[in-house]
Amino acid sequence: MKLVHSGKVRDVYLDDSRDPADLILVASDRLSIYDVVLPTPVPDKGVILTQLSLWWFERLADLVGHHVISATEVPAEFAGRAIRCRRLEMLPVECIARGYLAGLGLKEYEKQGTVSGVALPPGLVEGSKLPEPIFTPTTKAAVGEHDEFMTFDEVAATVGAGTAARLRDLTLEIYRRGAETAAAKGILVADTKLEFGLAPDGEIVLADEVLTPDSSRFWSADRWEPGRPQFSFDKQFVRDWSGTLDWDRTPPGPEVPADVVEATRARYVEVYERITGVRFEPVSA
C-alpha cells in the first residue's frame, strides 16, 4: 500500500492490488483541537471513531450511500481502526448541521445574529436549542489552516446549485436521524460535521466519519442548561483544558496530561456505548 494523504487524524492509503484500486482509511489516536494536532495520543480513539462511524453508516444507508466496502478486508496492523472504501471525488465543503448554539456558531451569532448567512432569532445564548436545525457549511481548509463559514449561495457557486441543495438536504436529514437516535439514549447532538464525495456515476456519497465525538458535539441531555458550557462527550473537554494554558492555538500544541487523556478516552467510550448499546472492547492488532 502507498500512503497518499495524512490528515489531522486519518491516514489514507492506496491499495492498487485491486482494479479499480481501493482506499484504506485509517483512524489514528491523534487528537487535534483548533486545527492543531496535539503531541499526545488518546488510546483507542481511532478504534472508537471507526466503529461508531460503521454503526452509523449502516443505520443511515437508506438516506444516502456510503463509501465503505469492508471493515474486515484491511491490513492486520490496522484492524478495528480502518475501513476499505471507494475512491471518490471529495467535495470541497464541510457540511455542518446545527441544532444548538455552540462553538464557532455561537461566536458568529454573537457578532452578527447569523451563522453561514442563516438569520437566527435574537436573545439566544450558549447552548440554546435552535427553532429548527440549520445548515452552516464551511470551507475545507488544509492542515494548519482554518475553515471559514460559507453561505448557501457560496456553496452553490462552488459545487453547483443542484449539488448544494442535495448536500443541504442530506446533511439536515442525517442530523435529524442522528439526533433522534442519540436522544433516545440521553445524548443531545448539538451539531455535526459531514463530508461527501462524488462517485464516478455522479452519485453523492457519505464519506470519512459520521456522528462521532470528533465530528460532533455530544451533550448529556440530563445536564443540558442553556447559558453555560455543557457537559460534553467529545473533544470539547480538551479544548476547555487548553483554555487554561498560555497557548496561542498555533503549532506546536501542548502535551496533554495523563488525567486529561484518561478522562477524554472515558468520555469517548461512554458515548460509544450509550449510542450503540454495545460494550467497547479494545482491538489488538
C-alpha atoms as a PDB file:
ATOM      1  CA  MET A   1       0.000   0.000   0.000  1.00  0.00           C
ATOM      2  CA  LYS A   2       1.041   3.571  -0.619  1.00  0.00           C
ATOM      3  CA  LEU A   3       0.377   6.424   1.815  1.00  0.00           C
ATOM      4  CA  VAL A   4      -1.329   9.138  -0.257  1.00  0.00           C
ATOM      5  CA  HIS A   5      -2.554  11.522   2.438  1.00  0.00           C
ATOM      6  CA  SER A   6      -2.038  12.141   6.132  1.00  0.00           C
ATOM      7  CA  GLY A   7      -4.622  14.369   7.805  1.00  0.00           C
ATOM      8  CA  LYS A   8      -5.054  15.611  11.336  1.00  0.00           C
ATOM      9  CA  VAL A   9      -6.460  12.272  12.469  1.00  0.00           C
ATOM     10  CA  ARG A  10      -6.727   9.924   9.470  1.00  0.00           C
ATOM     11  CA  ASP A  11      -4.193   8.434   7.083  1.00  0.00           C
ATOM     12  CA  VAL A  12      -5.240   7.354   3.604  1.00  0.00           C
ATOM     13  CA  TYR A  13      -3.519   4.515   1.771  1.00  0.00           C
ATOM     14  CA  LEU A  14      -3.979   3.433  -1.846  1.00  0.00           C
ATOM     15  CA  ASP A  15      -4.294  -0.317  -2.383  1.00  0.00           C
ATOM     16  CA  ASP A  16      -3.679  -0.844  -6.084  1.00  0.00           C
ATOM     17  CA  SER A  17      -3.731  -4.636  -5.795  1.00  0.00           C
ATOM     18  CA  ARG A  18      -7.338  -4.387  -6.977  1.00  0.00           C
ATOM     19  CA  ASP A  19      -8.759  -2.967 -10.174  1.00  0.00           C
ATOM     20  CA  PRO A  20     -10.061  -0.379  -9.645  1.00  0.00           C
ATOM     21  CA  ALA A  21      -7.817   0.482  -6.719  1.00  0.00           C
ATOM     22  CA  ASP A  22      -9.388   0.902  -3.270  1.00  0.00           C
ATOM     23  CA  LEU A  23      -8.507   3.239  -0.434  1.00  0.00           C
ATOM     24  CA  ILE A  24      -7.728   2.165   3.113  1.00  0.00           C
ATOM     25  CA  LEU A  25      -8.821   4.861   5.580  1.00  0.00           C
ATOM     26  CA  VAL A  26      -7.052   4.524   8.936  1.00  0.00           C
ATOM     27  CA  ALA A  27      -8.160   6.450  12.028  1.00  0.00           C
ATOM     28  CA  SER A  28      -5.220   7.158  14.316  1.00  0.00           C
ATOM     29  CA  ASP A  29      -5.254   8.013  18.010  1.00  0.00           C
ATOM     30  CA  ARG A  30      -4.069  11.540  17.208  1.00  0.00           C
ATOM     31  CA  LEU A  31      -6.060  14.388  18.741  1.00  0.00           C
ATOM     32  CA  SER A  32      -6.481  17.799  17.149  1.00  0.00           C
ATOM     33  CA  ILE A  33      -8.020  20.981  18.506  1.00  0.00           C
ATOM     34  CA  TYR A  34      -8.205  24.376  16.797  1.00  0.00           C
ATOM     35  CA  ASP A  35      -6.703  22.688  13.696  1.00  0.00           C
ATOM     36  CA  VAL A  36      -3.529  21.804  15.624  1.00  0.00           C
ATOM     37  CA  VAL A  37      -2.509  18.176  16.131  1.00  0.00           C
ATOM     38  CA  LEU A  38      -1.502  17.638  19.746  1.00  0.00           C
ATOM     39  CA  PRO A  39       1.580  15.537  20.528  1.00  0.00           C
ATOM     40  CA  THR A  40      -0.256  13.239  22.956  1.00  0.00           C
ATOM     41  CA  PRO A  41      -2.479  10.446  21.564  1.00  0.00           C
ATOM     42  CA  VAL A  42      -5.663   9.167  23.179  1.00  0.00           C
ATOM     43  CA  PRO A  43      -5.535   5.356  23.388  1.00  0.00           C
ATOM     44  CA  ASP A  44      -8.236   3.531  21.368  1.00  0.00           C
ATOM     45  CA  LYS A  45      -9.587   6.785  19.929  1.00  0.00           C
ATOM     46  CA  GLY A  46      -9.151   5.656  16.328  1.00  0.00           C
ATOM     47  CA  VAL A  47     -10.956   2.388  17.008  1.00  0.00           C
ATOM     48  CA  ILE A  48     -13.868   4.189  18.661  1.00  0.00           C
ATOM     49  CA  LEU A  49     -14.210   6.634  15.760  1.00  0.00           C
ATOM     50  CA  THR A  50     -14.125   3.846  13.189  1.00  0.00           C
ATOM     51  CA  GLN A  51     -16.530   1.503  14.971  1.00  0.00           C
ATOM     52  CA  LEU A  52     -19.036   4.265  15.741  1.00  0.00           C
ATOM     53  CA  SER A  53     -18.898   5.511  12.139  1.00  0.00           C
ATOM     54  CA  LEU A  54     -19.569   1.994  10.860  1.00  0.00           C
ATOM     55  CA  TRP A  55     -22.563   1.726  13.207  1.00  0.00           C
ATOM     56  CA  TRP A  56     -23.982   4.965  11.824  1.00  0.00           C
ATOM     57  CA  PHE A  57     -23.185   4.217   8.157  1.00  0.00           C
ATOM     58  CA  GLU A  58     -25.317   1.083   8.432  1.00  0.00           C
ATOM     59  CA  ARG A  59     -28.223   2.944  10.007  1.00  0.00           C
ATOM     60  CA  LEU A  60     -28.149   5.815   7.515  1.00  0.00           C
ATOM     61  CA  ALA A  61     -27.850   3.697   4.368  1.00  0.00           C
ATOM     62  CA  ASP A  62     -31.494   4.234   3.454  1.00  0.00           C
ATOM     63  CA  LEU A  63     -30.854   8.009   3.338  1.00  0.00           C
ATOM     64  CA  VAL A  64     -27.577   8.070   1.404  1.00  0.00           C
ATOM     65  CA  GLY A  65     -24.979   5.660   0.060  1.00  0.00           C
ATOM     66  CA  HIS A  66     -21.629   5.480   1.850  1.00  0.00           C
ATOM     67  CA  HIS A  67     -18.051   4.776   0.866  1.00  0.00           C
ATOM     68  CA  VAL A  68     -17.482   1.631   2.944  1.00  0.00           C
ATOM     69  CA  ILE A  69     -16.514  -1.524   1.063  1.00  0.00           C
ATOM     70  CA  SER A  70     -15.344  -3.597   4.027  1.00  0.00           C
ATOM     71  CA  ALA A  71     -14.336  -3.187   7.650  1.00  0.00           C
ATOM     72  CA  THR A  72     -12.543  -6.553   7.718  1.00  0.00           C
ATOM     73  CA  GLU A  73     -10.557  -6.641   4.471  1.00  0.00           C
ATOM     74  CA  VAL A  74      -7.834  -4.366   5.842  1.00  0.00           C
ATOM     75  CA  PRO A  75      -4.211  -4.967   6.887  1.00  0.00           C
ATOM     76  CA  ALA A  76      -3.977  -6.755  10.232  1.00  0.00           C
ATOM     77  CA  GLU A  77      -1.993  -3.943  11.827  1.00  0.00           C
ATOM     78  CA  PHE A  78      -4.955  -1.598  11.240  1.00  0.00           C
ATOM     79  CA  ALA A  79      -7.651  -3.979  12.476  1.00  0.00           C
ATOM     80  CA  GLY A  80     -10.573  -2.198  14.105  1.00  0.00           C
ATOM     81  CA  ARG A  81      -9.439   1.280  13.118  1.00  0.00           C
ATOM     82  CA  ALA A  82      -9.524   1.042   9.318  1.00  0.00           C
ATOM     83  CA  ILE A  83     -12.039   0.611   6.527  1.00  0.00           C
ATOM     84  CA  ARG A  84     -11.635  -0.305   2.895  1.00  0.00           C
ATOM     85  CA  CYS A  85     -13.541   2.301   0.929  1.00  0.00           C
ATOM     86  CA  ARG A  86     -14.442   3.542  -2.521  1.00  0.00           C
ATOM     87  CA  ARG A  87     -12.414   6.231  -4.206  1.00  0.00           C
ATOM     88  CA  LEU A  88     -14.464   9.402  -4.561  1.00  0.00           C
ATOM     89  CA  GLU A  89     -14.042  12.937  -5.798  1.00  0.00           C
ATOM     90  CA  MET A  90     -14.378  14.675  -2.439  1.00  0.00           C
ATOM     91  CA  LEU A  91     -16.464  17.834  -2.461  1.00  0.00           C
ATOM     92  CA  PRO A  92     -14.664  20.951  -1.145  1.00  0.00           C
ATOM     93  CA  VAL A  93     -17.256  21.777   1.515  1.00  0.00           C
ATOM     94  CA  GLU A  94     -17.560  20.839   5.187  1.00  0.00           C
ATOM     95  CA  CYS A  95     -21.273  20.161   5.638  1.00  0.00           C
ATOM     96  CA  ILE A  96     -22.353  21.147   9.144  1.00  0.00           C
ATOM     97  CA  ALA A  97     -25.774  20.878  10.751  1.00  0.00           C
ATOM     98  CA  ARG A  98     -26.547  22.688  13.986  1.00  0.00           C
ATOM     99  CA  GLY A  99     -29.441  22.078  16.314  1.00  0.00           C
ATOM    100  CA  TYR A 100     -27.987  24.045  19.244  1.00  0.00           C
ATOM    101  CA  LEU A 101     -25.822  27.138  19.506  1.00  0.00           C
ATOM    102  CA  ALA A 102     -22.204  26.484  20.437  1.00  0.00           C
ATOM    103  CA  GLY A 103     -18.595  26.884  19.381  1.00  0.00           C
ATOM    104  CA  LEU A 104     -17.810  28.982  16.332  1.00  0.00           C
ATOM    105  CA  GLY A 105     -21.522  29.140  15.524  1.00  0.00           C
ATOM    106  CA  LEU A 106     -22.137  30.916  18.822  1.00  0.00           C
ATOM    107  CA  LYS A 107     -19.321  33.373  18.152  1.00  0.00           C
ATOM    108  CA  GLU A 108     -20.635  34.141  14.672  1.00  0.00           C
ATOM    109  CA  TYR A 109     -24.156  34.638  16.041  1.00  0.00           C
ATOM    110  CA  GLU A 110     -22.899  36.998  18.763  1.00  0.00           C
ATOM    111  CA  LYS A 111     -21.191  39.118  16.098  1.00  0.00           C
ATOM    112  CA  GLN A 112     -23.989  39.440  13.573  1.00  0.00           C
ATOM    113  CA  GLY A 113     -27.013  37.347  14.506  1.00  0.00           C
ATOM    114  CA  THR A 114     -26.411  34.819  11.743  1.00  0.00           C
ATOM    115  CA  VAL A 115     -24.431  31.640  11.080  1.00  0.00           C
ATOM    116  CA  SER A 116     -23.353  30.958   7.495  1.00  0.00           C
ATOM    117  CA  GLY A 117     -25.838  33.581   6.384  1.00  0.00           C
ATOM    118  CA  VAL A 118     -28.758  31.945   8.225  1.00  0.00           C
ATOM    119  CA  ALA A 119     -30.568  34.509  10.377  1.00  0.00           C
ATOM    120  CA  LEU A 120     -31.368  33.369  13.914  1.00  0.00           C
ATOM    121  CA  PRO A 121     -33.771  34.880  16.494  1.00  0.00           C
ATOM    122  CA  PRO A 122     -32.388  37.433  18.943  1.00  0.00           C
ATOM    123  CA  GLY A 123     -31.741  36.524  22.560  1.00  0.00           C
ATOM    124  CA  LEU A 124     -30.143  33.121  22.077  1.00  0.00           C
ATOM    125  CA  VAL A 125     -27.346  32.119  24.458  1.00  0.00           C
ATOM    126  CA  GLU A 126     -24.693  29.435  24.630  1.00  0.00           C
ATOM    127  CA  GLY A 127     -26.391  26.059  24.444  1.00  0.00           C
ATOM    128  CA  SER A 128     -29.740  27.378  23.203  1.00  0.00           C
ATOM    129  CA  LYS A 129     -31.782  24.978  21.118  1.00  0.00           C
ATOM    130  CA  LEU A 130     -32.441  26.458  17.686  1.00  0.00           C
ATOM    131  CA  PRO A 131     -36.002  26.762  16.346  1.00  0.00           C
ATOM    132  CA  GLU A 132     -35.029  24.123  13.778  1.00  0.00           C
ATOM    133  CA  PRO A 133     -31.739  22.563  12.632  1.00  0.00           C
ATOM    134  CA  ILE A 134     -29.766  24.726  10.207  1.00  0.00           C
ATOM    135  CA  PHE A 135     -27.175  24.034   7.506  1.00  0.00           C
ATOM    136  CA  THR A 136     -23.994  26.013   8.217  1.00  0.00           C
ATOM    137  CA  PRO A 137     -21.290  24.899   5.763  1.00  0.00           C
ATOM    138  CA  THR A 138     -17.642  25.918   5.855  1.00  0.00           C
ATOM    139  CA  THR A 139     -14.666  25.755   3.574  1.00  0.00           C
ATOM    140  CA  LYS A 140     -12.438  22.692   3.831  1.00  0.00           C
ATOM    141  CA  ALA A 141      -9.060  24.081   4.881  1.00  0.00           C
ATOM    142  CA  ALA A 142      -5.708  22.333   4.645  1.00  0.00           C
ATOM    143  CA  VAL A 143      -3.983  21.038   7.789  1.00  0.00           C
ATOM    144  CA  GLY A 144      -2.833  24.012   9.856  1.00  0.00           C
ATOM    145  CA  GLU A 145      -5.329  26.395   8.282  1.00  0.00           C
ATOM    146  CA  HIS A 146      -8.812  27.320   9.464  1.00  0.00           C
ATOM    147  CA  ASP A 147     -12.202  26.624   7.921  1.00  0.00           C
ATOM    148  CA  GLU A 148     -14.327  29.674   7.098  1.00  0.00           C
ATOM    149  CA  PHE A 149     -18.119  29.907   7.127  1.00  0.00           C
ATOM    150  CA  MET A 150     -19.832  29.751   3.718  1.00  0.00           C
ATOM    151  CA  THR A 151     -23.309  30.871   2.780  1.00  0.00           C
ATOM    152  CA  PHE A 152     -25.537  28.530   0.815  1.00  0.00           C
ATOM    153  CA  ASP A 153     -25.066  30.733  -2.263  1.00  0.00           C
ATOM    154  CA  GLU A 154     -21.293  30.353  -1.918  1.00  0.00           C
ATOM    155  CA  VAL A 155     -21.681  26.584  -1.770  1.00  0.00           C
ATOM    156  CA  ALA A 156     -23.846  26.712  -4.883  1.00  0.00           C
ATOM    157  CA  ALA A 157     -21.207  28.792  -6.661  1.00  0.00           C
ATOM    158  CA  THR A 158     -18.585  26.208  -5.696  1.00  0.00           C
ATOM    159  CA  VAL A 159     -20.341  22.908  -6.495  1.00  0.00           C
ATOM    160  CA  GLY A 160     -23.450  23.938  -8.445  1.00  0.00           C
ATOM    161  CA  ALA A 161     -26.972  24.729  -7.265  1.00  0.00           C
ATOM    162  CA  GLY A 162     -28.333  21.197  -7.553  1.00  0.00           C
ATOM    163  CA  THR A 163     -25.449  19.620  -5.659  1.00  0.00           C
ATOM    164  CA  ALA A 164     -25.588  22.345  -2.996  1.00  0.00           C
ATOM    165  CA  ALA A 165     -29.293  21.708  -2.414  1.00  0.00           C
ATOM    166  CA  ARG A 166     -28.694  17.972  -2.159  1.00  0.00           C
ATOM    167  CA  LEU A 167     -25.828  18.478   0.309  1.00  0.00           C
ATOM    168  CA  ARG A 168     -28.005  20.725   2.473  1.00  0.00           C
ATOM    169  CA  ASP A 169     -30.927  18.306   2.451  1.00  0.00           C
ATOM    170  CA  LEU A 170     -28.771  15.249   3.175  1.00  0.00           C
ATOM    171  CA  THR A 171     -26.898  16.994   5.968  1.00  0.00           C
ATOM    172  CA  LEU A 172     -30.110  18.006   7.712  1.00  0.00           C
ATOM    173  CA  GLU A 173     -31.726  14.584   7.196  1.00  0.00           C
ATOM    174  CA  ILE A 174     -28.686  12.816   8.661  1.00  0.00           C
ATOM    175  CA  TYR A 175     -28.561  15.243  11.569  1.00  0.00           C
ATOM    176  CA  ARG A 176     -32.242  14.735  12.371  1.00  0.00           C
ATOM    177  CA  ARG A 177     -31.923  10.945  12.219  1.00  0.00           C
ATOM    178  CA  GLY A 178     -28.771  11.011  14.342  1.00  0.00           C
ATOM    179  CA  ALA A 179     -30.198  13.454  16.882  1.00  0.00           C
ATOM    180  CA  GLU A 180     -33.381  11.422  17.289  1.00  0.00           C
ATOM    181  CA  THR A 181     -31.430   8.184  17.730  1.00  0.00           C
ATOM    182  CA  ALA A 182     -28.997   9.688  20.244  1.00  0.00           C
ATOM    183  CA  ALA A 183     -31.733  11.477  22.192  1.00  0.00           C
ATOM    184  CA  ALA A 184     -33.302   8.112  22.984  1.00  0.00           C
ATOM    185  CA  LYS A 185     -30.008   7.259  24.732  1.00  0.00           C
ATOM    186  CA  GLY A 186     -29.833  10.524  26.712  1.00  0.00           C
ATOM    187  CA  ILE A 187     -27.417  12.261  24.315  1.00  0.00           C
ATOM    188  CA  LEU A 188     -28.047  15.609  22.613  1.00  0.00           C
ATOM    189  CA  VAL A 189     -26.306  16.107  19.270  1.00  0.00           C
ATOM    190  CA  ALA A 190     -25.614  19.831  19.330  1.00  0.00           C
ATOM    191  CA  ASP A 191     -24.014  19.862  15.887  1.00  0.00           C
ATOM    192  CA  THR A 192     -22.210  17.575  13.471  1.00  0.00           C
ATOM    193  CA  LYS A 193     -19.855  17.848  10.516  1.00  0.00           C
ATOM    194  CA  LEU A 194     -20.145  15.621   7.451  1.00  0.00           C
ATOM    195  CA  GLU A 195     -18.149  15.090   4.290  1.00  0.00           C
ATOM    196  CA  PHE A 196     -19.427  13.920   0.933  1.00  0.00           C
ATOM    197  CA  GLY A 197     -17.836  12.846  -2.338  1.00  0.00           C
ATOM    198  CA  LEU A 198     -18.922  12.055  -5.860  1.00  0.00           C
ATOM    199  CA  ALA A 199     -18.799   8.528  -7.260  1.00  0.00           C
ATOM    200  CA  PRO A 200     -17.829   8.118 -10.939  1.00  0.00           C
ATOM    201  CA  ASP A 201     -21.532   7.992 -11.885  1.00  0.00           C
ATOM    202  CA  GLY A 202     -22.174  11.304 -10.097  1.00  0.00           C
ATOM    203  CA  GLU A 203     -23.828   9.793  -7.021  1.00  0.00           C
ATOM    204  CA  ILE A 204     -23.328  11.845  -3.853  1.00  0.00           C
ATOM    205  CA  VAL A 205     -21.793   9.536  -1.245  1.00  0.00           C
ATOM    206  CA  LEU A 206     -21.310   9.964   2.518  1.00  0.00           C
ATOM    207  CA  ALA A 207     -17.617   9.570   3.395  1.00  0.00           C
ATOM    208  CA  ASP A 208     -14.940   9.974   6.065  1.00  0.00           C
ATOM    209  CA  GLU A 209     -16.623   9.679   9.501  1.00  0.00           C
ATOM    210  CA  VAL A 210     -20.145  10.237  10.712  1.00  0.00           C
ATOM    211  CA  LEU A 211     -21.628  11.311  14.057  1.00  0.00           C
ATOM    212  CA  THR A 212     -18.510  10.664  16.127  1.00  0.00           C
ATOM    213  CA  PRO A 213     -17.163  12.624  19.122  1.00  0.00           C
ATOM    214  CA  ASP A 214     -14.506  14.067  16.804  1.00  0.00           C
ATOM    215  CA  SER A 215     -17.017  15.379  14.264  1.00  0.00           C
ATOM    216  CA  SER A 216     -19.892  16.251  16.583  1.00  0.00           C
ATOM    217  CA  ARG A 217     -20.774  17.886  19.859  1.00  0.00           C
ATOM    218  CA  PHE A 218     -22.440  15.340  22.126  1.00  0.00           C
ATOM    219  CA  TRP A 219     -24.039  16.671  25.307  1.00  0.00           C
ATOM    220  CA  SER A 220     -25.590  14.916  28.277  1.00  0.00           C
ATOM    221  CA  ALA A 221     -29.334  15.534  27.971  1.00  0.00           C
ATOM    222  CA  ASP A 222     -29.964  15.470  31.700  1.00  0.00           C
ATOM    223  CA  ARG A 223     -27.300  18.129  32.295  1.00  0.00           C
ATOM    224  CA  TRP A 224     -28.283  20.448  29.453  1.00  0.00           C
ATOM    225  CA  GLU A 225     -28.775  24.027  30.628  1.00  0.00           C
ATOM    226  CA  PRO A 226     -28.616  26.972  28.186  1.00  0.00           C
ATOM    227  CA  GLY A 227     -26.464  29.900  29.178  1.00  0.00           C
ATOM    228  CA  ARG A 228     -23.345  27.994  30.168  1.00  0.00           C
ATOM    229  CA  PRO A 229     -20.878  25.413  28.805  1.00  0.00           C
ATOM    230  CA  GLN A 230     -22.401  21.931  28.616  1.00  0.00           C
ATOM    231  CA  PHE A 231     -21.112  18.586  29.869  1.00  0.00           C
ATOM    232  CA  SER A 232     -19.746  17.027  26.677  1.00  0.00           C
ATOM    233  CA  PHE A 233     -18.750  13.587  25.429  1.00  0.00           C
ATOM    234  CA  ASP A 234     -16.364  14.910  22.789  1.00  0.00           C
ATOM    235  CA  LYS A 235     -13.096  16.783  22.409  1.00  0.00           C
ATOM    236  CA  GLN A 236     -14.569  19.982  23.825  1.00  0.00           C
ATOM    237  CA  PHE A 237     -13.215  18.662  27.127  1.00  0.00           C
ATOM    238  CA  VAL A 238      -9.677  19.024  25.731  1.00  0.00           C
ATOM    239  CA  ARG A 239     -10.432  22.434  24.258  1.00  0.00           C
ATOM    240  CA  ASP A 240     -11.602  23.593  27.683  1.00  0.00           C
ATOM    241  CA  TRP A 241      -8.424  22.240  29.301  1.00  0.00           C
ATOM    242  CA  SER A 242      -6.275  24.042  26.719  1.00  0.00           C
ATOM    243  CA  GLY A 243      -8.032  27.289  27.620  1.00  0.00           C
ATOM    244  CA  THR A 244      -6.306  27.189  30.997  1.00  0.00           C
ATOM    245  CA  LEU A 245      -2.884  27.339  29.312  1.00  0.00           C
ATOM    246  CA  ASP A 246      -0.745  30.151  27.970  1.00  0.00           C
ATOM    247  CA  TRP A 247      -1.034  28.824  24.396  1.00  0.00           C
ATOM    248  CA  ASP A 248      -1.853  30.822  21.275  1.00  0.00           C
ATOM    249  CA  ARG A 249      -3.500  27.889  19.442  1.00  0.00           C
ATOM    250  CA  THR A 250      -0.692  27.582  16.909  1.00  0.00           C
ATOM    251  CA  PRO A 251       1.727  24.643  16.456  1.00  0.00           C
ATOM    252  CA  PRO A 252       3.311  23.068  18.295  1.00  0.00           C
ATOM    253  CA  GLY A 253       0.468  22.006  20.504  1.00  0.00           C
ATOM    254  CA  PRO A 254       0.938  21.328  24.220  1.00  0.00           C
ATOM    255  CA  GLU A 255       1.458  17.895  25.743  1.00  0.00           C
ATOM    256  CA  VAL A 256      -1.776  16.633  27.280  1.00  0.00           C
ATOM    257  CA  PRO A 257      -1.588  15.447  30.918  1.00  0.00           C
ATOM    258  CA  ALA A 258      -2.372  11.795  31.638  1.00  0.00           C
ATOM    259  CA  ASP A 259      -5.516  12.606  33.618  1.00  0.00           C
ATOM    260  CA  VAL A 260      -6.950  14.668  30.730  1.00  0.00           C
ATOM    261  CA  VAL A 261      -6.128  11.865  28.274  1.00  0.00           C
ATOM    262  CA  GLU A 262      -7.810   9.315  30.541  1.00  0.00           C
ATOM    263  CA  ALA A 263     -10.916  11.456  31.010  1.00  0.00           C
ATOM    264  CA  THR A 264     -11.160  12.112  27.263  1.00  0.00           C
ATOM    265  CA  ARG A 265     -10.904   8.407  26.463  1.00  0.00           C
ATOM    266  CA  ALA A 266     -13.567   7.635  29.088  1.00  0.00           C
ATOM    267  CA  ARG A 267     -15.984  10.128  27.510  1.00  0.00           C
ATOM    268  CA  TYR A 268     -15.408   8.715  24.016  1.00  0.00           C
ATOM    269  CA  VAL A 269     -16.008   5.190  25.303  1.00  0.00           C
ATOM    270  CA  GLU A 270     -19.144   6.221  27.187  1.00  0.00           C
ATOM    271  CA  VAL A 271     -20.780   7.952  24.249  1.00  0.00           C
ATOM    272  CA  TYR A 272     -19.954   4.985  22.004  1.00  0.00           C
ATOM    273  CA  GLU A 273     -21.535   2.566  24.461  1.00  0.00           C
ATOM    274  CA  ARG A 274     -24.584   4.725  25.163  1.00  0.00           C
ATOM    275  CA  ILE A 275     -25.384   5.313  21.488  1.00  0.00           C
ATOM    276  CA  THR A 276     -24.713   1.784  20.215  1.00  0.00           C
ATOM    277  CA  GLY A 277     -25.724  -0.195  23.280  1.00  0.00           C
ATOM    278  CA  VAL A 278     -22.552  -2.256  22.774  1.00  0.00           C
ATOM    279  CA  ARG A 279     -19.723  -2.594  25.261  1.00  0.00           C
ATOM    280  CA  PHE A 280     -16.484  -1.190  23.845  1.00  0.00           C
ATOM    281  CA  GLU A 281     -13.715  -3.749  23.540  1.00  0.00           C
ATOM    282  CA  PRO A 282     -10.204  -2.580  22.581  1.00  0.00           C
ATOM    283  CA  VAL A 283      -8.876  -4.229  19.436  1.00  0.00           C
ATOM    284  CA  SER A 284      -5.471  -5.890  19.412  1.00  0.00           C
ATOM    285  CA  ALA A 285      -3.600  -5.813  16.111  1.00  0.00           C
END
